[in-house]
């Protein structure tokens, strides 16, 4: 793995990138950023944080030690072929964006990338040839059941204020709720998690309990009703908007079966960044790429080793006011969990613009998410977002925007020697 270029920058060059920006600091501070506090509640398999306690603990192909506990004994209540394809594509580097079990632009882009990389007809469809090519991963189910770590109840969740001045007063722009944190951990949305857990229980749990109780109760088949594993009730249906959490620490829930999330011992020097990768379900082992190509018309970022396509992500890039700068660019550095300088003059492209400037704290709900890849084009970069569901559907303010998990993964792939090409 090439070394990450720098862990923090004192001033991010984000002018065209959207809500904020600042003058580029060419003398970037290379000292490591202060570590996030331990109140995030990371429960790990061991003190080296090889993976968090909800990790698949397998490699991209589903081999190795899967999570072996009572959670694995709850089969899903239905087949989910599109979601199964999405979790496989996500594991092998062709990101479908938000995993939701539905065909959409991001999933079609991921299929296009997989088909191109495997010399298949590029259709963007889950056709028979593509299913055959994906059959090596048939052993990977679409979902798995995990137990939300008990320590997540002790984590600090942030009620994000509207005003920029109030955001600047926060210590960290962290997750707003346990639900939001859980959705990002499994590359999905809270709504999808609710659908996978009707009435607050993993889909398939009642059938599994019924079979178990029938076996243990003898020929009469009578048994007590299964005990709920969640405090969730119908009264919590609107909890996502109210700021409360639908799910609770210690609860068993069904989630998309994302994998390739193993963090190798000693591979991440900065513990704060290690925790970020764990919180996003992103493994330390990523391919090293020589070239990335962003297509404005296709809303994609392709990553290549020599001429071989090894990864593809859907992106948002450019706008009428701040168009994507077509051309070739260099990577100047990578900022992990960056703070963000808000300057109305940069935002509006007007040196006479009025308004206060602020430095916003780091965090997944910051304007550029968890990572900023700084480019030689002044004020432009590649970064994450606090709103993964908007990727490919809403314009950026000039920069290239990905989901936080895809941006973190890309940051592990590139270095200053990686060529960056922006195409129309």
Protein backbone atom coordinates (compact mmCIF):
# COMPACT_ATOMS: atom_id res chain seq x y z
CA UNK A 1 0.00 0.00 0.00
CA UNK A 2 1.38 3.39 -0.93
CA UNK A 3 1.61 5.69 2.02
CA UNK A 4 -1.19 8.17 2.44
CA UNK A 5 0.11 11.55 1.46
CA UNK A 6 -0.99 13.65 4.37
CA UNK A 7 -3.39 13.20 7.21
CA UNK A 8 -4.60 16.76 7.62
CA UNK A 9 -4.44 20.11 5.88
CA UNK A 10 -4.70 23.47 7.50
CA UNK A 11 -6.83 24.94 4.73
CA UNK A 12 -8.80 23.08 2.08
CA UNK A 13 -9.01 24.33 -1.48
CA UNK A 14 -12.71 23.88 -2.05
CA UNK A 15 -13.95 26.98 -3.84
CA UNK A 16 -15.90 25.43 -6.65
CA UNK A 17 -16.78 22.46 -4.54
CA UNK A 18 -19.92 23.66 -3.12
CA UNK A 19 -21.03 25.10 0.11
CA UNK A 20 -17.68 26.32 1.21
CA UNK A 21 -14.05 26.81 0.36
CA UNK A 22 -10.79 28.49 1.15
CA UNK A 23 -7.51 29.54 -0.36
CA UNK A 24 -5.33 26.55 -1.13
CA UNK A 25 -2.50 26.09 1.33
CA UNK A 26 0.38 24.85 -0.79
CA UNK A 27 2.48 24.24 2.30
CA UNK A 28 0.15 21.56 3.66
CA UNK A 29 0.53 20.62 7.29
CA UNK A 30 1.59 16.98 7.30
CA UNK A 31 1.12 16.38 11.01
CA UNK A 32 -1.55 13.89 11.97
CA UNK A 33 -4.90 15.28 12.92
CA UNK A 34 -6.14 14.88 16.47
CA UNK A 35 -7.75 11.50 16.95
CA UNK A 36 -11.52 11.19 17.24
CA UNK A 37 -12.59 10.47 20.79
CA UNK A 38 -13.18 6.89 21.87
CA UNK A 39 -16.84 7.60 22.60
CA UNK A 40 -17.73 6.32 19.14
CA UNK A 41 -18.06 2.94 20.80
CA UNK A 42 -16.05 0.71 18.47
CA UNK A 43 -16.28 -2.92 19.50
CA UNK A 44 -13.65 -5.00 17.76
CA UNK A 45 -12.55 -8.59 17.48
CA UNK A 46 -9.30 -7.72 19.20
CA UNK A 47 -7.31 -4.74 20.39
CA UNK A 48 -5.84 -4.24 16.91
CA UNK A 49 -9.28 -3.49 15.44
CA UNK A 50 -8.91 -5.96 12.58
CA UNK A 51 -12.60 -5.44 11.94
CA UNK A 52 -15.52 -4.15 13.91
CA UNK A 53 -17.81 -6.67 15.57
CA UNK A 54 -20.37 -6.46 12.74
CA UNK A 55 -17.84 -7.13 9.97
CA UNK A 56 -18.28 -9.93 7.47
CA UNK A 57 -14.75 -11.01 8.42
CA UNK A 58 -14.25 -12.51 4.99
CA UNK A 59 -12.47 -11.48 1.84
CA UNK A 60 -14.02 -10.07 -1.32
CA UNK A 61 -14.87 -13.55 -2.59
CA UNK A 62 -16.68 -14.59 0.55
CA UNK A 63 -13.94 -16.95 1.62
CA UNK A 64 -12.44 -17.12 5.08
CA UNK A 65 -14.08 -17.04 8.47
CA UNK A 66 -17.61 -15.75 8.31
CA UNK A 67 -19.28 -14.42 11.41
CA UNK A 68 -20.04 -17.54 13.42
CA UNK A 69 -22.67 -16.83 16.06
CA UNK A 70 -26.38 -17.00 16.66
CA UNK A 71 -26.96 -14.25 14.10
CA UNK A 72 -25.98 -16.58 11.27
CA UNK A 73 -28.81 -18.97 12.09
CA UNK A 74 -31.55 -16.63 10.88
CA UNK A 75 -32.15 -17.13 7.13
CA UNK A 76 -33.75 -14.31 5.16
CA UNK A 77 -37.47 -14.49 4.46
CA UNK A 78 -37.03 -13.92 0.73
CA UNK A 79 -34.53 -13.99 -2.08
CA UNK A 80 -33.12 -10.61 -3.04
CA UNK A 81 -31.31 -11.10 -6.37
CA UNK A 82 -30.64 -7.44 -7.12
CA UNK A 83 -29.36 -6.75 -3.62
CA UNK A 84 -27.19 -9.88 -3.84
CA UNK A 85 -25.65 -8.53 -7.05
CA UNK A 86 -25.17 -5.14 -5.42
CA UNK A 87 -23.30 -6.50 -2.40
CA UNK A 88 -21.05 -8.58 -4.66
CA UNK A 89 -20.33 -5.65 -6.97
CA UNK A 90 -19.62 -3.47 -3.94
CA UNK A 91 -17.18 -6.05 -2.54
CA UNK A 92 -15.17 -6.31 -5.77
CA UNK A 93 -14.83 -2.58 -6.45
CA UNK A 94 -17.75 -1.72 -8.72
CA UNK A 95 -19.77 0.44 -6.37
CA UNK A 96 -23.56 0.43 -6.78
CA UNK A 97 -23.87 3.47 -4.52
CA UNK A 98 -26.62 3.05 -1.95
CA UNK A 99 -27.51 -0.65 -1.66
CA UNK A 100 -31.28 -0.87 -1.85
CA UNK A 101 -32.19 -3.99 -3.84
CA UNK A 102 -33.39 -1.92 -6.81
CA UNK A 103 -32.04 -1.39 -10.28
CA UNK A 104 -31.05 2.23 -10.77
CA UNK A 105 -28.38 4.41 -12.34
CA UNK A 106 -25.63 3.58 -9.83
CA UNK A 107 -26.28 -0.18 -10.10
CA UNK A 108 -26.34 0.05 -13.90
CA UNK A 109 -23.03 1.92 -13.81
CA UNK A 110 -21.57 -0.78 -11.54
CA UNK A 111 -22.74 -3.50 -13.94
CA UNK A 112 -21.29 -1.58 -16.88
CA UNK A 113 -17.94 -1.48 -15.09
CA UNK A 114 -18.00 -5.15 -14.17
CA UNK A 115 -18.95 -6.09 -17.74
CA UNK A 116 -16.20 -3.93 -19.22
CA UNK A 117 -13.60 -5.37 -16.83
CA UNK A 118 -14.64 -8.93 -17.71
CA UNK A 119 -14.89 -8.51 -21.49
CA UNK A 120 -18.66 -8.93 -21.51
CA UNK A 121 -21.17 -7.08 -23.63
CA UNK A 122 -21.74 -3.79 -21.79
CA UNK A 123 -25.50 -3.62 -21.19
CA UNK A 124 -25.83 -2.30 -17.66
CA UNK A 125 -28.28 -5.13 -17.07
CA UNK A 126 -28.16 -8.20 -14.87
CA UNK A 127 -28.35 -10.43 -17.94
CA UNK A 128 -27.53 -14.12 -18.17
CA UNK A 129 -23.92 -13.59 -19.23
CA UNK A 130 -23.36 -11.28 -16.29
CA UNK A 131 -25.08 -13.65 -13.85
CA UNK A 132 -22.78 -16.42 -15.08
CA UNK A 133 -19.72 -14.22 -14.60
CA UNK A 134 -20.92 -13.36 -11.09
CA UNK A 135 -21.70 -16.98 -10.20
CA UNK A 136 -18.36 -17.41 -8.42
CA UNK A 137 -19.90 -15.28 -5.67
CA UNK A 138 -23.19 -17.16 -5.40
CA UNK A 139 -22.24 -18.26 -1.90
CA UNK A 140 -22.55 -14.67 -0.68
CA UNK A 141 -26.12 -14.05 0.52
CA UNK A 142 -27.75 -10.68 -0.07
CA UNK A 143 -28.11 -10.00 3.64
CA UNK A 144 -26.83 -11.08 7.02
CA UNK A 145 -27.99 -10.55 10.59
CA UNK A 146 -25.77 -8.66 13.00
CA UNK A 147 -26.06 -7.42 16.57
CA UNK A 148 -25.62 -3.69 17.02
CA UNK A 149 -22.77 -3.22 19.51
CA UNK A 150 -23.97 -2.37 23.00
CA UNK A 151 -21.40 0.43 23.16
CA UNK A 152 -23.25 2.30 20.42
CA UNK A 153 -25.71 3.42 23.06
CA UNK A 154 -22.89 5.38 24.72
CA UNK A 155 -21.80 7.12 21.51
CA UNK A 156 -22.46 10.80 21.08
CA UNK A 157 -24.89 11.69 18.30
CA UNK A 158 -25.15 15.23 17.02
CA UNK A 159 -28.28 17.27 16.38
CA UNK A 160 -26.93 19.12 13.35
CA UNK A 161 -27.83 22.83 13.45
CA UNK A 162 -28.88 24.72 10.33
CA UNK A 163 -26.69 27.79 10.74
CA UNK A 164 -23.06 27.62 9.65
CA UNK A 165 -22.02 29.63 12.71
CA UNK A 166 -23.59 27.00 14.98
CA UNK A 167 -21.94 24.15 13.08
CA UNK A 168 -18.59 25.84 13.60
CA UNK A 169 -19.13 25.58 17.36
CA UNK A 170 -19.41 21.78 17.24
CA UNK A 171 -16.46 19.60 18.22
CA UNK A 172 -17.25 17.21 15.38
CA UNK A 173 -19.84 16.91 12.62
CA UNK A 174 -20.62 13.32 13.53
CA UNK A 175 -23.62 11.12 12.92
CA UNK A 176 -27.01 12.54 13.82
CA UNK A 177 -28.39 9.24 15.09
CA UNK A 178 -27.59 5.59 15.58
CA UNK A 179 -29.80 4.90 12.55
CA UNK A 180 -27.77 7.15 10.27
CA UNK A 181 -24.52 5.63 11.51
CA UNK A 182 -25.86 2.12 10.95
CA UNK A 183 -27.05 2.91 7.42
CA UNK A 184 -23.66 4.31 6.41
CA UNK A 185 -21.88 1.32 7.96
CA UNK A 186 -23.81 -0.97 5.60
CA UNK A 187 -23.85 1.29 2.53
CA UNK A 188 -27.59 1.78 2.54
CA UNK A 189 -30.37 4.00 3.92
CA UNK A 190 -32.46 3.91 7.07
CA UNK A 191 -35.56 3.18 4.98
CA UNK A 192 -33.93 0.07 3.50
CA UNK A 193 -32.93 -1.13 6.97
CA UNK A 194 -36.51 -0.71 8.13
CA UNK A 195 -37.75 -2.80 5.19
CA UNK A 196 -35.24 -5.52 6.07
CA UNK A 197 -36.47 -5.47 9.67
CA UNK A 198 -40.27 -5.34 9.71
CA UNK A 199 -41.63 -4.46 13.14
CA UNK A 200 -38.06 -4.07 14.32
CA UNK A 201 -37.13 -7.73 13.72
CA UNK A 202 -34.86 -9.28 11.09
CA UNK A 203 -36.89 -10.55 8.14
CA UNK A 204 -37.09 -14.32 8.59
CA UNK A 205 -36.75 -14.27 12.37
CA UNK A 206 -40.31 -15.34 13.11
CA UNK A 207 -40.06 -18.27 10.70
CA UNK A 208 -36.74 -19.30 12.25
CA UNK A 209 -38.20 -19.06 15.75
CA UNK A 210 -41.30 -20.95 14.69
CA UNK A 211 -39.22 -23.81 13.29
CA UNK A 212 -37.03 -23.90 16.38
CA UNK A 213 -39.96 -23.83 18.78
CA UNK A 214 -41.87 -26.41 16.77
CA UNK A 215 -38.92 -28.77 17.00
CA UNK A 216 -38.52 -28.27 20.72
CA UNK A 217 -42.20 -28.35 21.65
CA UNK A 218 -43.00 -31.82 20.34
CA UNK A 219 -45.80 -33.02 18.09
CA UNK A 220 -48.31 -30.39 19.20
CA UNK A 221 -46.19 -27.67 17.67
CA UNK A 222 -47.26 -25.19 20.32
CA UNK A 223 -44.81 -22.57 21.49
CA UNK A 224 -44.66 -19.17 23.05
CA UNK A 225 -44.51 -16.11 20.83
CA UNK A 226 -40.96 -15.10 19.99
CA UNK A 227 -39.44 -12.42 22.17
CA UNK A 228 -38.79 -9.17 20.29
CA UNK A 229 -35.13 -8.21 19.98
CA UNK A 230 -35.93 -4.56 19.56
CA UNK A 231 -37.65 -1.79 21.40
CA UNK A 232 -38.84 -0.48 18.04
CA UNK A 233 -42.58 -0.03 17.67
CA UNK A 234 -44.93 1.40 15.10
CA UNK A 235 -44.74 4.68 17.00
CA UNK A 236 -41.12 4.93 15.81
CA UNK A 237 -42.00 4.93 12.11
CA UNK A 238 -41.19 8.61 11.77
CA UNK A 239 -38.10 8.50 13.96
CA UNK A 240 -35.71 9.23 11.11
CA UNK A 241 -37.09 12.72 10.80
CA UNK A 242 -37.60 13.29 14.50
CA UNK A 243 -33.94 12.73 15.33
CA UNK A 244 -34.60 9.64 17.47
CA UNK A 245 -33.39 6.20 16.47
CA UNK A 246 -35.62 3.41 15.26
CA UNK A 247 -32.94 0.83 16.04
CA UNK A 248 -31.22 0.30 19.37
CA UNK A 249 -27.87 -0.90 20.64
CA UNK A 250 -27.86 -4.62 21.40
CA UNK A 251 -30.57 -5.31 18.82
CA UNK A 252 -30.32 -8.01 16.15
CA UNK A 253 -31.03 -6.60 12.71
CA UNK A 254 -30.78 -7.69 9.08
CA UNK A 255 -28.39 -5.65 6.92
CA UNK A 256 -26.98 -5.75 3.37
CA UNK A 257 -24.15 -8.26 3.38
CA UNK A 258 -21.32 -5.90 2.48
CA UNK A 259 -17.85 -7.36 2.83
CA UNK A 260 -14.21 -6.82 1.90
CA UNK A 261 -14.17 -4.87 5.17
CA UNK A 262 -11.18 -6.50 6.88
CA UNK A 263 -8.57 -4.11 8.26
CA UNK A 264 -5.18 -5.79 8.38
CA UNK A 265 -3.14 -5.44 11.54
CA UNK A 266 -0.70 -2.54 11.32
CA UNK A 267 -1.92 -1.40 7.90
CA UNK A 268 -3.37 1.92 9.10
CA UNK A 269 -1.03 4.11 11.10
CA UNK A 270 -3.59 6.70 12.16
CA UNK A 271 -6.14 5.28 14.61
CA UNK A 272 -8.69 7.94 13.77
CA UNK A 273 -8.60 6.95 10.11
CA UNK A 274 -8.68 3.27 11.07
CA UNK A 275 -11.87 3.91 13.03
CA UNK A 276 -13.33 5.81 10.08
CA UNK A 277 -12.67 2.90 7.72
CA UNK A 278 -14.24 0.48 10.22
CA UNK A 279 -17.28 2.73 10.61
CA UNK A 280 -17.73 2.74 6.82
CA UNK A 281 -17.17 -0.98 6.27
CA UNK A 282 -14.10 -0.28 4.13
CA UNK A 283 -11.18 -2.71 4.24
CA UNK A 284 -7.53 -1.76 4.25
CA UNK A 285 -6.66 -3.90 1.21
CA UNK A 286 -7.44 -1.89 -1.93
CA UNK A 287 -5.87 -2.06 -5.41
CA UNK A 288 -3.30 0.58 -6.27
CA UNK A 289 -4.27 2.53 -9.39
CA UNK A 290 -2.24 4.47 -11.93
CA UNK A 291 -5.08 6.46 -13.48
CA UNK A 292 -8.59 7.60 -12.67
CA UNK A 293 -11.00 8.93 -15.29
CA UNK A 294 -14.07 10.98 -14.37
CA UNK A 295 -16.80 11.20 -17.01
CA UNK A 296 -19.19 14.12 -16.64
CA UNK A 297 -21.70 12.66 -19.12
CA UNK A 298 -21.73 9.20 -17.49
CA UNK A 299 -21.46 10.34 -13.84
CA UNK A 300 -18.70 7.79 -13.25
CA UNK A 301 -15.18 7.55 -11.92
CA UNK A 302 -13.15 4.69 -13.38
CA UNK A 303 -9.89 3.50 -11.78
CA UNK A 304 -7.23 1.64 -13.78
CA UNK A 305 -4.12 -0.44 -13.18
CA UNK A 306 -2.28 0.08 -16.44
CA UNK A 307 -5.15 -0.48 -18.89
CA UNK A 308 -7.17 -2.78 -16.65
CA UNK A 309 -10.33 -1.36 -15.10
CA UNK A 310 -10.31 -2.38 -11.42
CA UNK A 311 -12.94 -0.08 -9.87
CA UNK A 312 -15.86 2.13 -10.83
CA UNK A 313 -17.96 4.48 -8.72
CA UNK A 314 -20.91 6.72 -9.53
CA UNK A 315 -20.17 10.39 -8.84
CA UNK A 316 -21.68 13.85 -8.97
CA UNK A 317 -19.46 16.36 -10.71
CA UNK A 318 -19.68 19.98 -11.78
CA UNK A 319 -22.53 22.37 -12.35
CA UNK A 320 -23.43 25.20 -14.73
CA UNK A 321 -21.85 27.70 -12.35
CA UNK A 322 -18.79 25.61 -11.50
CA UNK A 323 -18.29 23.16 -14.41
CA UNK A 324 -16.05 20.13 -14.16
CA UNK A 325 -12.59 21.29 -15.34
CA UNK A 326 -11.94 19.08 -18.36
CA UNK A 327 -8.31 18.04 -18.62
CA UNK A 328 -5.51 16.20 -16.82
CA UNK A 329 -4.64 16.95 -13.20
CA UNK A 330 -2.30 15.79 -10.47
CA UNK A 331 -3.10 14.71 -6.93
CA UNK A 332 -1.43 17.04 -4.44
CA UNK A 333 -2.46 15.20 -1.29
CA UNK A 334 -5.14 13.42 0.71
CA UNK A 335 -6.77 14.80 3.84
CA UNK A 336 -8.39 12.26 6.15
CA UNK A 337 -11.30 13.49 8.27
CA UNK A 338 -10.62 17.06 7.18
CA UNK A 339 -11.91 20.27 8.74
CA UNK A 340 -13.52 22.68 6.30
CA UNK A 341 -13.10 26.40 5.73
CA UNK A 342 -16.35 28.14 4.83
CA UNK A 343 -15.80 31.40 2.94
CA UNK A 344 -18.73 33.12 1.16
CA UNK A 345 -16.32 34.84 -1.24
CA UNK A 346 -15.14 31.49 -2.51
CA UNK A 347 -18.61 29.97 -2.49
CA UNK A 348 -20.07 32.71 -4.65
CA UNK A 349 -16.96 33.29 -6.74
CA UNK A 350 -17.09 36.96 -5.80
CA UNK A 351 -14.34 38.71 -3.87
CA UNK A 352 -16.89 41.28 -2.71
CA UNK A 353 -19.33 38.74 -1.31
CA UNK A 354 -20.38 39.48 2.26
CA UNK A 355 -20.64 37.10 5.18
CA UNK A 356 -18.61 35.52 7.94
CA UNK A 357 -15.96 32.89 7.31
CA UNK A 358 -15.90 29.82 9.54
CA UNK A 359 -13.87 26.68 10.06
CA UNK A 360 -16.19 23.69 10.34
CA UNK A 361 -15.03 20.65 12.33
CA UNK A 362 -14.38 17.25 10.70
CA UNK A 363 -16.85 14.40 10.56
CA UNK A 364 -18.99 12.32 8.19
CA UNK A 365 -21.66 15.05 8.13
CA UNK A 366 -19.15 17.71 7.11
CA UNK A 367 -19.55 19.29 3.65
CA UNK A 368 -16.82 17.08 2.15
CA UNK A 369 -17.48 14.01 4.27
CA UNK A 370 -14.57 11.94 5.53
CA UNK A 371 -11.90 12.62 2.92
CA UNK A 372 -10.61 15.30 0.54
CA UNK A 373 -8.32 14.36 -2.38
CA UNK A 374 -6.68 17.63 -3.38
CA UNK A 375 -6.05 18.31 -7.08
CA UNK A 376 -3.66 20.58 -8.94
CA UNK A 377 -6.65 22.50 -10.33
CA UNK A 378 -7.06 25.24 -7.74
CA UNK A 379 -10.12 24.84 -5.50
CA UNK A 380 -11.05 21.43 -6.95
CA UNK A 381 -10.91 18.01 -5.37
CA UNK A 382 -12.54 14.60 -4.97
CA UNK A 383 -14.40 14.04 -1.73
CA UNK A 384 -17.20 12.39 0.24
CA UNK A 385 -20.65 13.63 1.15
CA UNK A 386 -23.10 13.64 4.07
CA UNK A 387 -25.92 12.79 1.62
CA UNK A 388 -25.06 9.51 -0.18
CA UNK A 389 -28.53 9.16 -1.73
CA UNK A 390 -27.89 12.27 -3.88
CA UNK A 391 -24.83 10.93 -5.68
CA UNK A 392 -25.41 10.93 -9.44
CA UNK A 393 -28.75 12.65 -8.95
CA UNK A 394 -27.78 16.14 -7.85
CA UNK A 395 -25.09 18.42 -9.24
CA UNK A 396 -22.01 19.15 -7.24
CA UNK A 397 -20.55 22.62 -7.04
CA UNK A 398 -17.65 21.77 -9.30
CA UNK A 399 -15.80 19.04 -7.44
CA UNK A 400 -16.19 15.28 -7.78
CA UNK A 401 -18.39 13.91 -5.01
CA UNK A 402 -18.83 10.26 -3.94
CA UNK A 403 -20.46 8.43 -1.04
CA UNK A 404 -18.27 8.52 2.05
CA UNK A 405 -17.52 4.80 1.76
CA UNK A 406 -16.52 5.06 -1.92
CA UNK A 407 -14.42 8.16 -1.27
CA UNK A 408 -12.61 6.42 1.60
CA UNK A 409 -12.00 3.40 -0.59
CA UNK A 410 -10.67 5.55 -3.43
CA UNK A 411 -8.35 7.34 -1.01
CA UNK A 412 -6.71 3.97 -0.32
CA UNK A 413 -6.17 3.41 -4.06
CA UNK A 414 -4.49 6.64 -5.17
CA UNK A 415 -1.26 8.51 -4.56
CA UNK A 416 0.53 11.56 -5.96
CA UNK A 417 1.64 9.43 -8.90
CA UNK A 418 -1.95 8.68 -9.92
CA UNK A 419 -3.01 10.51 -13.09
CA UNK A 420 -6.41 12.23 -12.93
CA UNK A 421 -8.39 12.82 -16.12
CA UNK A 422 -11.70 14.71 -16.33
CA UNK A 423 -13.74 14.10 -19.48
CA UNK A 424 -16.96 15.63 -20.80
